[in-house]
C-alpha atoms as a PDB file:
ATOM      1  CA  UNK A   1      91.573  62.982  65.589  1.00  0.00           C
ATOM      2  CA  UNK A   2      88.874  64.832  67.519  1.00  0.00           C
ATOM      3  CA  UNK A   3      89.851  67.027  70.411  1.00  0.00           C
ATOM      4  CA  UNK A   4      87.216  68.381  72.762  1.00  0.00           C
ATOM      5  CA  UNK A   5      87.888  71.180  75.193  1.00  0.00           C
ATOM      6  CA  UNK A   6      86.619  71.362  78.766  1.00  0.00           C
ATOM      7  CA  UNK A   7      86.573  74.732  80.533  1.00  0.00           C
ATOM      8  CA  UNK A   8      85.134  75.878  83.870  1.00  0.00           C
ATOM      9  CA  UNK A   9      83.364  78.915  82.335  1.00  0.00           C
ATOM     10  CA  UNK A  10      82.476  80.508  78.990  1.00  0.00           C
ATOM     11  CA  UNK A  11      84.795  83.429  79.694  1.00  0.00           C
ATOM     12  CA  UNK A  12      87.709  81.048  80.321  1.00  0.00           C
ATOM     13  CA  UNK A  13      87.090  79.315  77.009  1.00  0.00           C
ATOM     14  CA  UNK A  14      86.757  82.653  75.182  1.00  0.00           C
ATOM     15  CA  UNK A  15      90.038  83.901  76.634  1.00  0.00           C
ATOM     16  CA  UNK A  16      91.944  80.771  75.636  1.00  0.00           C
ATOM     17  CA  UNK A  17      90.356  80.769  72.175  1.00  0.00           C
ATOM     18  CA  UNK A  18      91.624  84.331  71.823  1.00  0.00           C
ATOM     19  CA  UNK A  19      95.127  83.270  72.837  1.00  0.00           C
ATOM     20  CA  UNK A  20      95.067  80.034  70.822  1.00  0.00           C
ATOM     21  CA  UNK A  21      92.780  80.556  67.805  1.00  0.00           C
ATOM     22  CA  UNK A  22      92.864  76.851  66.887  1.00  0.00           C
ATOM     23  CA  UNK A  23      90.604  76.255  69.928  1.00  0.00           C
ATOM     24  CA  UNK A  24      87.776  78.299  68.381  1.00  0.00           C
ATOM     25  CA  UNK A  25      86.885  75.487  66.020  1.00  0.00           C
ATOM     26  CA  UNK A  26      87.060  72.691  68.577  1.00  0.00           C
ATOM     27  CA  UNK A  27      83.959  71.432  70.348  1.00  0.00           C
ATOM     28  CA  UNK A  28      83.932  72.327  74.010  1.00  0.00           C
ATOM     29  CA  UNK A  29      82.005  71.733  77.211  1.00  0.00           C
ATOM     30  CA  UNK A  30      81.537  73.955  80.239  1.00  0.00           C
ATOM     31  CA  UNK A  31      82.002  72.024  83.466  1.00  0.00           C
ATOM     32  CA  UNK A  32      82.071  74.368  86.482  1.00  0.00           C
ATOM     33  CA  UNK A  33      84.212  73.512  89.471  1.00  0.00           C
ATOM     34  CA  UNK A  34      82.459  71.956  92.429  1.00  0.00           C
ATOM     35  CA  UNK A  35      82.645  72.742  96.121  1.00  0.00           C
ATOM     36  CA  UNK A  36      82.187  70.600  99.201  1.00  0.00           C
ATOM     37  CA  UNK A  37      79.366  72.450 100.949  1.00  0.00           C
ATOM     38  CA  UNK A  38      79.793  70.061 103.885  1.00  0.00           C
ATOM     39  CA  UNK A  39      82.775  72.148 105.022  1.00  0.00           C
ATOM     40  CA  UNK A  40      80.429  75.058 105.817  1.00  0.00           C
ATOM     41  CA  UNK A  41      78.058  75.269 108.799  1.00  0.00           C
ATOM     42  CA  UNK A  42      74.345  74.776 108.209  1.00  0.00           C
ATOM     43  CA  UNK A  43      73.752  78.414 109.204  1.00  0.00           C
ATOM     44  CA  UNK A  44      75.605  79.573 106.086  1.00  0.00           C
ATOM     45  CA  UNK A  45      73.824  80.356 102.879  1.00  0.00           C
ATOM     46  CA  UNK A  46      71.416  83.044 104.024  1.00  0.00           C
ATOM     47  CA  UNK A  47      71.974  86.607 102.924  1.00  0.00           C
ATOM     48  CA  UNK A  48      70.127  89.656 101.765  1.00  0.00           C
ATOM     49  CA  UNK A  49      71.817  92.445  99.844  1.00  0.00           C
ATOM     50  CA  UNK A  50      69.532  94.997 101.452  1.00  0.00           C
ATOM     51  CA  UNK A  51      69.925  93.929 105.064  1.00  0.00           C
ATOM     52  CA  UNK A  52      73.167  94.848 106.836  1.00  0.00           C
ATOM     53  CA  UNK A  53      73.400  93.792 110.479  1.00  0.00           C
ATOM     54  CA  UNK A  54      75.536  96.639 111.849  1.00  0.00           C
ATOM     55  CA  UNK A  55      75.966 100.379 111.479  1.00  0.00           C
ATOM     56  CA  UNK A  56      79.378  99.768 109.923  1.00  0.00           C
ATOM     57  CA  UNK A  57      79.682  97.495 106.955  1.00  0.00           C
ATOM     58  CA  UNK A  58      81.818  94.416 107.640  1.00  0.00           C
ATOM     59  CA  UNK A  59      83.826  93.521 104.541  1.00  0.00           C
ATOM     60  CA  UNK A  60      85.897  90.382 104.107  1.00  0.00           C
ATOM     61  CA  UNK A  61      88.593  90.379 101.417  1.00  0.00           C
ATOM     62  CA  UNK A  62      89.534  86.724 100.933  1.00  0.00           C
ATOM     63  CA  UNK A  63      92.784  85.469  99.452  1.00  0.00           C
ATOM     64  CA  UNK A  64      96.249  86.658  98.677  1.00  0.00           C
ATOM     65  CA  UNK A  65      96.742  90.354  98.056  1.00  0.00           C
ATOM     66  CA  UNK A  66      98.663  90.169  94.812  1.00  0.00           C
ATOM     67  CA  UNK A  67      98.792  92.585  91.899  1.00  0.00           C
ATOM     68  CA  UNK A  68      96.412  90.542  89.701  1.00  0.00           C
ATOM     69  CA  UNK A  69      94.095  89.928  92.676  1.00  0.00           C
ATOM     70  CA  UNK A  70      93.515  93.652  93.176  1.00  0.00           C
ATOM     71  CA  UNK A  71      96.226  94.762  95.610  1.00  0.00           C
ATOM     72  CA  UNK A  72      96.540  98.147  93.872  1.00  0.00           C
ATOM     73  CA  UNK A  73      92.762  98.640  93.883  1.00  0.00           C
ATOM     74  CA  UNK A  74      92.651  97.962  97.599  1.00  0.00           C
ATOM     75  CA  UNK A  75      95.545 100.370  98.209  1.00  0.00           C
ATOM     76  CA  UNK A  76      93.722 103.070  96.235  1.00  0.00           C
ATOM     77  CA  UNK A  77      90.548 102.792  98.310  1.00  0.00           C
ATOM     78  CA  UNK A  78      91.799 101.540 101.687  1.00  0.00           C
ATOM     79  CA  UNK A  79      91.585 104.857 103.550  1.00  0.00           C
ATOM     80  CA  UNK A  80      88.053 105.628 102.384  1.00  0.00           C
ATOM     81  CA  UNK A  81      86.905 102.020 102.830  1.00  0.00           C
ATOM     82  CA  UNK A  82      88.176 101.789 106.410  1.00  0.00           C
ATOM     83  CA  UNK A  83      86.332 105.026 107.147  1.00  0.00           C
ATOM     84  CA  UNK A  84      82.919 103.378 106.764  1.00  0.00           C
ATOM     85  CA  UNK A  85      83.694  99.660 107.031  1.00  0.00           C
ATOM     86  CA  UNK A  86      85.480  97.161 109.208  1.00  0.00           C
ATOM     87  CA  UNK A  87      87.697  95.107 106.921  1.00  0.00           C
ATOM     88  CA  UNK A  88      89.097  91.596 107.345  1.00  0.00           C
ATOM     89  CA  UNK A  89      91.912  90.677 104.972  1.00  0.00           C
ATOM     90  CA  UNK A  90      91.684  86.906 105.257  1.00  0.00           C
ATOM     91  CA  UNK A  91      94.605  84.920 103.906  1.00  0.00           C
ATOM     92  CA  UNK A  92      96.293  88.063 102.576  1.00  0.00           C
ATOM     93  CA  UNK A  93      99.803  86.662 102.899  1.00  0.00           C
ATOM     94  CA  UNK A  94     102.650  89.147 102.802  1.00  0.00           C
ATOM     95  CA  UNK A  95     100.440  91.591 100.886  1.00  0.00           C
ATOM     96  CA  UNK A  96      98.485  92.265 104.073  1.00  0.00           C
ATOM     97  CA  UNK A  97     101.472  93.875 105.810  1.00  0.00           C
ATOM     98  CA  UNK A  98     100.817  97.214 104.078  1.00  0.00           C
ATOM     99  CA  UNK A  99      97.358  97.377 105.701  1.00  0.00           C
ATOM    100  CA  UNK A 100      98.112  95.997 109.180  1.00  0.00           C
ATOM    101  CA  UNK A 101      98.617  99.470 110.692  1.00  0.00           C
ATOM    102  CA  UNK A 102      95.309 100.854 109.439  1.00  0.00           C
ATOM    103  CA  UNK A 103      92.387 101.478 111.763  1.00  0.00           C
ATOM    104  CA  UNK A 104      89.375  99.196 111.239  1.00  0.00           C
ATOM    105  CA  UNK A 105      91.466  96.694 109.269  1.00  0.00           C
ATOM    106  CA  UNK A 106      92.345  93.242 110.597  1.00  0.00           C
ATOM    107  CA  UNK A 107      94.833  91.055 108.754  1.00  0.00           C
ATOM    108  CA  UNK A 108      95.068  87.284 108.950  1.00  0.00           C
ATOM    109  CA  UNK A 109      98.047  86.277 106.824  1.00  0.00           C
ATOM    110  CA  UNK A 110      97.254  82.574 106.574  1.00  0.00           C
ATOM    111  CA  UNK A 111      94.568  80.134 107.642  1.00  0.00           C
ATOM    112  CA  UNK A 112      93.605  76.531 107.025  1.00  0.00           C
ATOM    113  CA  UNK A 113      90.721  75.988 104.593  1.00  0.00           C
ATOM    114  CA  UNK A 114      88.703  74.305 107.353  1.00  0.00           C
ATOM    115  CA  UNK A 115      88.898  77.579 109.333  1.00  0.00           C
ATOM    116  CA  UNK A 116      87.335  79.777 106.625  1.00  0.00           C
ATOM    117  CA  UNK A 117      83.772  79.618 107.955  1.00  0.00           C
ATOM    118  CA  UNK A 118      84.933  80.134 111.545  1.00  0.00           C
ATOM    119  CA  UNK A 119      86.868  83.281 110.618  1.00  0.00           C
ATOM    120  CA  UNK A 120      84.006  84.704 108.526  1.00  0.00           C
ATOM    121  CA  UNK A 121      81.389  84.035 111.222  1.00  0.00           C
ATOM    122  CA  UNK A 122      83.569  85.382 114.033  1.00  0.00           C
ATOM    123  CA  UNK A 123      84.103  88.579 112.033  1.00  0.00           C
ATOM    124  CA  UNK A 124      80.397  88.874 111.229  1.00  0.00           C
ATOM    125  CA  UNK A 125      81.021  89.622 107.564  1.00  0.00           C
ATOM    126  CA  UNK A 126      78.233  91.332 105.608  1.00  0.00           C
ATOM    127  CA  UNK A 127      79.847  91.148 102.190  1.00  0.00           C
ATOM    128  CA  UNK A 128      82.920  89.766 100.429  1.00  0.00           C
ATOM    129  CA  UNK A 129      85.070  91.900  98.170  1.00  0.00           C
ATOM    130  CA  UNK A 130      86.691  90.204  95.162  1.00  0.00           C
ATOM    131  CA  UNK A 131      89.062  92.577  93.396  1.00  0.00           C
ATOM    132  CA  UNK A 132      90.748  90.602  90.630  1.00  0.00           C
ATOM    133  CA  UNK A 133      92.091  92.811  87.863  1.00  0.00           C
ATOM    134  CA  UNK A 134      92.638  89.870  85.519  1.00  0.00           C
ATOM    135  CA  UNK A 135      89.697  87.735  84.406  1.00  0.00           C
ATOM    136  CA  UNK A 136      89.137  84.762  86.689  1.00  0.00           C
ATOM    137  CA  UNK A 137      88.621  81.426  84.975  1.00  0.00           C
ATOM    138  CA  UNK A 138      85.970  80.345  87.491  1.00  0.00           C
ATOM    139  CA  UNK A 139      86.770  81.642  90.995  1.00  0.00           C
ATOM    140  CA  UNK A 140      86.547  78.969  93.623  1.00  0.00           C
ATOM    141  CA  UNK A 141      86.703  81.839  96.124  1.00  0.00           C
ATOM    142  CA  UNK A 142      83.408  83.170  94.768  1.00  0.00           C
ATOM    143  CA  UNK A 143      81.844  79.749  95.384  1.00  0.00           C
ATOM    144  CA  UNK A 144      83.256  79.722  98.918  1.00  0.00           C
ATOM    145  CA  UNK A 145      81.820  83.154  99.696  1.00  0.00           C
ATOM    146  CA  UNK A 146      78.404  82.097  98.420  1.00  0.00           C
ATOM    147  CA  UNK A 147      78.611  78.879 100.446  1.00  0.00           C
ATOM    148  CA  UNK A 148      79.243  81.103 103.488  1.00  0.00           C
ATOM    149  CA  UNK A 149      76.070  83.003 102.627  1.00  0.00           C
ATOM    150  CA  UNK A 150      77.865  86.195 101.662  1.00  0.00           C
ATOM    151  CA  UNK A 151      76.932  88.412  98.749  1.00  0.00           C
ATOM    152  CA  UNK A 152      79.928  89.730  96.873  1.00  0.00           C
ATOM    153  CA  UNK A 153      81.079  92.932  95.306  1.00  0.00           C
ATOM    154  CA  UNK A 154      83.394  91.958  92.468  1.00  0.00           C
ATOM    155  CA  UNK A 155      85.118  93.455  89.495  1.00  0.00           C
ATOM    156  CA  UNK A 156      83.210  93.123  86.237  1.00  0.00           C
ATOM    157  CA  UNK A 157      85.627  90.671  84.622  1.00  0.00           C
ATOM    158  CA  UNK A 158      85.669  87.097  83.383  1.00  0.00           C
ATOM    159  CA  UNK A 159      83.883  84.512  85.482  1.00  0.00           C
ATOM    160  CA  UNK A 160      82.698  87.144  87.983  1.00  0.00           C
ATOM    161  CA  UNK A 161      80.613  88.800  85.282  1.00  0.00           C
ATOM    162  CA  UNK A 162      79.427  85.428  84.038  1.00  0.00           C
ATOM    163  CA  UNK A 163      78.500  83.899  87.390  1.00  0.00           C
ATOM    164  CA  UNK A 164      77.249  86.847  89.475  1.00  0.00           C
ATOM    165  CA  UNK A 165      73.707  88.060  88.898  1.00  0.00           C
ATOM    166  CA  UNK A 166      74.280  91.789  89.384  1.00  0.00           C
ATOM    167  CA  UNK A 167      71.921  93.055  92.090  1.00  0.00           C
ATOM    168  CA  UNK A 168      70.904  89.486  92.989  1.00  0.00           C
ATOM    169  CA  UNK A 169      73.783  87.289  94.114  1.00  0.00           C
ATOM    170  CA  UNK A 170      76.167  90.202  94.294  1.00  0.00           C
ATOM    171  CA  UNK A 171      77.200  93.470  92.716  1.00  0.00           C
ATOM    172  CA  UNK A 172      79.555  94.019  89.820  1.00  0.00           C
ATOM    173  CA  UNK A 173      81.718  97.105  89.520  1.00  0.00           C
ATOM    174  CA  UNK A 174      84.125  98.409  86.956  1.00  0.00           C
ATOM    175  CA  UNK A 175      87.737  97.672  87.829  1.00  0.00           C
ATOM    176  CA  UNK A 176      88.303 101.057  89.465  1.00  0.00           C
ATOM    177  CA  UNK A 177      88.332 102.058  93.110  1.00  0.00           C
ATOM    178  CA  UNK A 178      85.570 104.710  92.899  1.00  0.00           C
ATOM    179  CA  UNK A 179      83.133 102.292  91.262  1.00  0.00           C
ATOM    180  CA  UNK A 180      83.844  99.624  93.862  1.00  0.00           C
ATOM    181  CA  UNK A 181      83.423 102.053  96.742  1.00  0.00           C
ATOM    182  CA  UNK A 182      80.113 103.226  95.249  1.00  0.00           C
ATOM    183  CA  UNK A 183      78.852  99.615  95.243  1.00  0.00           C
ATOM    184  CA  UNK A 184      79.858  99.147  98.858  1.00  0.00           C
END
């Protein structure tokens, strides 16, 4: 019996082959996740890493603020980050409560997927910050940020490292607050 593996990224396959060595010998195919670009306005998709529209950087941090999604990293750099950037924690859930009191930080606990582009455009985001501390298998959120026309600063792990062209479609940083702040 032949079993073939399908994975959304090389890093995802490598991680599972490490956990389940029997998968190393099986044939596999990389099939990335898709995204409905029709849910984003036509104005999205244009960005330039070297051109920031305001004096203060406008950083969007999409998704739940959980331990494996970088909550501790954000805590470690929140004071310094809010000193030079306006920050939108979009869809942070309960994890956003710890930041709600901070100056230059806006928290939206929850939103509907159809509202993502509206929130990002209303905020005037310059860059998205993806802080996962565990390797992402693909990162649909990365695809969403690109569809919005936003470059990303992301941790150098898993699918982020595989999909982001460092210095082109985004910046990669070691999984440590100082390195991330230096990229921003």
